[in-house]
Amino acid sequence: MYHFFIFVMLTSPQDVKILSALEQACVLFFSVQWFQ
């Protein structure tokens, strides 16, 4: 999954990078909640 985010960050305009970062932060948050 994370290689997709890296690809998006490298190939997208700035506004899409921000959206991708927010989506990645949500994925990370839910991953932490799952493991707790």
N, C-alpha and C. Protein backbone atom coordinates (compact mmCIF):
# COMPACT_ATOMS: atom_id res chain seq x y z
N MET A 1 0.83 -1.21 0.00
CA MET A 1 0.00 0.00 0.00
C MET A 1 0.86 1.26 0.00
N TYR A 2 1.93 1.25 0.76
CA TYR A 2 2.70 2.48 0.92
C TYR A 2 3.48 2.84 -0.34
N HIS A 3 3.83 1.86 -1.16
CA HIS A 3 4.52 2.19 -2.41
C HIS A 3 3.61 3.00 -3.33
N PHE A 4 2.29 2.80 -3.20
CA PHE A 4 1.34 3.61 -3.97
C PHE A 4 1.38 5.06 -3.51
N PHE A 5 1.44 5.29 -2.19
CA PHE A 5 1.52 6.65 -1.68
C PHE A 5 2.81 7.33 -2.14
N ILE A 6 3.92 6.59 -2.12
CA ILE A 6 5.20 7.15 -2.57
C ILE A 6 5.10 7.55 -4.04
N PHE A 7 4.50 6.68 -4.86
CA PHE A 7 4.33 6.98 -6.28
C PHE A 7 3.49 8.23 -6.47
N VAL A 8 2.39 8.35 -5.70
CA VAL A 8 1.52 9.53 -5.82
C VAL A 8 2.28 10.79 -5.40
N MET A 9 3.03 10.70 -4.32
CA MET A 9 3.77 11.87 -3.83
C MET A 9 4.79 12.34 -4.85
N LEU A 10 5.37 11.41 -5.61
CA LEU A 10 6.40 11.78 -6.57
C LEU A 10 5.84 12.29 -7.89
N THR A 11 4.59 11.97 -8.20
CA THR A 11 4.07 12.24 -9.54
C THR A 11 2.89 13.20 -9.57
N SER A 12 2.43 13.66 -8.41
CA SER A 12 1.21 14.47 -8.38
C SER A 12 1.52 15.94 -8.16
N PRO A 13 0.62 16.83 -8.60
CA PRO A 13 0.73 18.24 -8.26
C PRO A 13 0.55 18.45 -6.76
N GLN A 14 0.85 19.66 -6.31
CA GLN A 14 0.95 19.91 -4.87
C GLN A 14 -0.36 19.64 -4.13
N ASP A 15 -1.50 20.03 -4.71
CA ASP A 15 -2.76 19.84 -4.00
C ASP A 15 -3.08 18.37 -3.82
N VAL A 16 -2.74 17.54 -4.81
CA VAL A 16 -2.97 16.11 -4.68
C VAL A 16 -2.02 15.51 -3.65
N LYS A 17 -0.80 16.05 -3.56
CA LYS A 17 0.14 15.57 -2.54
C LYS A 17 -0.44 15.78 -1.15
N ILE A 18 -1.09 16.91 -0.94
CA ILE A 18 -1.68 17.19 0.37
C ILE A 18 -2.77 16.18 0.68
N LEU A 19 -3.63 15.90 -0.29
CA LEU A 19 -4.69 14.92 -0.08
C LEU A 19 -4.11 13.54 0.18
N SER A 20 -3.06 13.19 -0.53
CA SER A 20 -2.44 11.88 -0.33
C SER A 20 -1.84 11.78 1.07
N ALA A 21 -1.23 12.87 1.53
CA ALA A 21 -0.65 12.87 2.87
C ALA A 21 -1.73 12.69 3.93
N LEU A 22 -2.88 13.35 3.73
CA LEU A 22 -3.98 13.19 4.68
C LEU A 22 -4.50 11.76 4.68
N GLU A 23 -4.62 11.17 3.49
CA GLU A 23 -5.11 9.80 3.41
C GLU A 23 -4.12 8.85 4.08
N GLN A 24 -2.81 9.07 3.86
CA GLN A 24 -1.81 8.22 4.49
C GLN A 24 -1.86 8.37 6.01
N ALA A 25 -2.09 9.60 6.48
CA ALA A 25 -2.19 9.82 7.92
C ALA A 25 -3.39 9.05 8.50
N CYS A 26 -4.51 9.02 7.75
CA CYS A 26 -5.68 8.26 8.21
C CYS A 26 -5.37 6.77 8.26
N VAL A 27 -4.70 6.27 7.25
CA VAL A 27 -4.33 4.84 7.23
C VAL A 27 -3.43 4.52 8.41
N LEU A 28 -2.45 5.38 8.67
CA LEU A 28 -1.55 5.17 9.80
C LEU A 28 -2.31 5.20 11.12
N PHE A 29 -3.23 6.15 11.25
CA PHE A 29 -4.03 6.26 12.48
C PHE A 29 -4.83 4.99 12.73
N PHE A 30 -5.52 4.49 11.69
CA PHE A 30 -6.32 3.28 11.87
C PHE A 30 -5.44 2.06 12.13
N SER A 31 -4.23 2.05 11.56
CA SER A 31 -3.32 0.95 11.83
C SER A 31 -2.92 0.94 13.30
N VAL A 32 -2.64 2.11 13.84
CA VAL A 32 -2.28 2.20 15.26
C VAL A 32 -3.46 1.77 16.13
N GLN A 33 -4.66 2.21 15.79
CA GLN A 33 -5.84 1.82 16.56
C GLN A 33 -6.05 0.30 16.51
N TRP A 34 -5.77 -0.30 15.35
CA TRP A 34 -5.95 -1.74 15.20
C TRP A 34 -5.00 -2.52 16.10
N PHE A 35 -3.74 -2.05 16.20
CA PHE A 35 -2.74 -2.80 16.95
C PHE A 35 -2.82 -2.54 18.45
N GLN A 36 -3.55 -1.53 18.87
CA GLN A 36 -3.63 -1.26 20.30
C GLN A 36 -4.65 -2.17 20.99
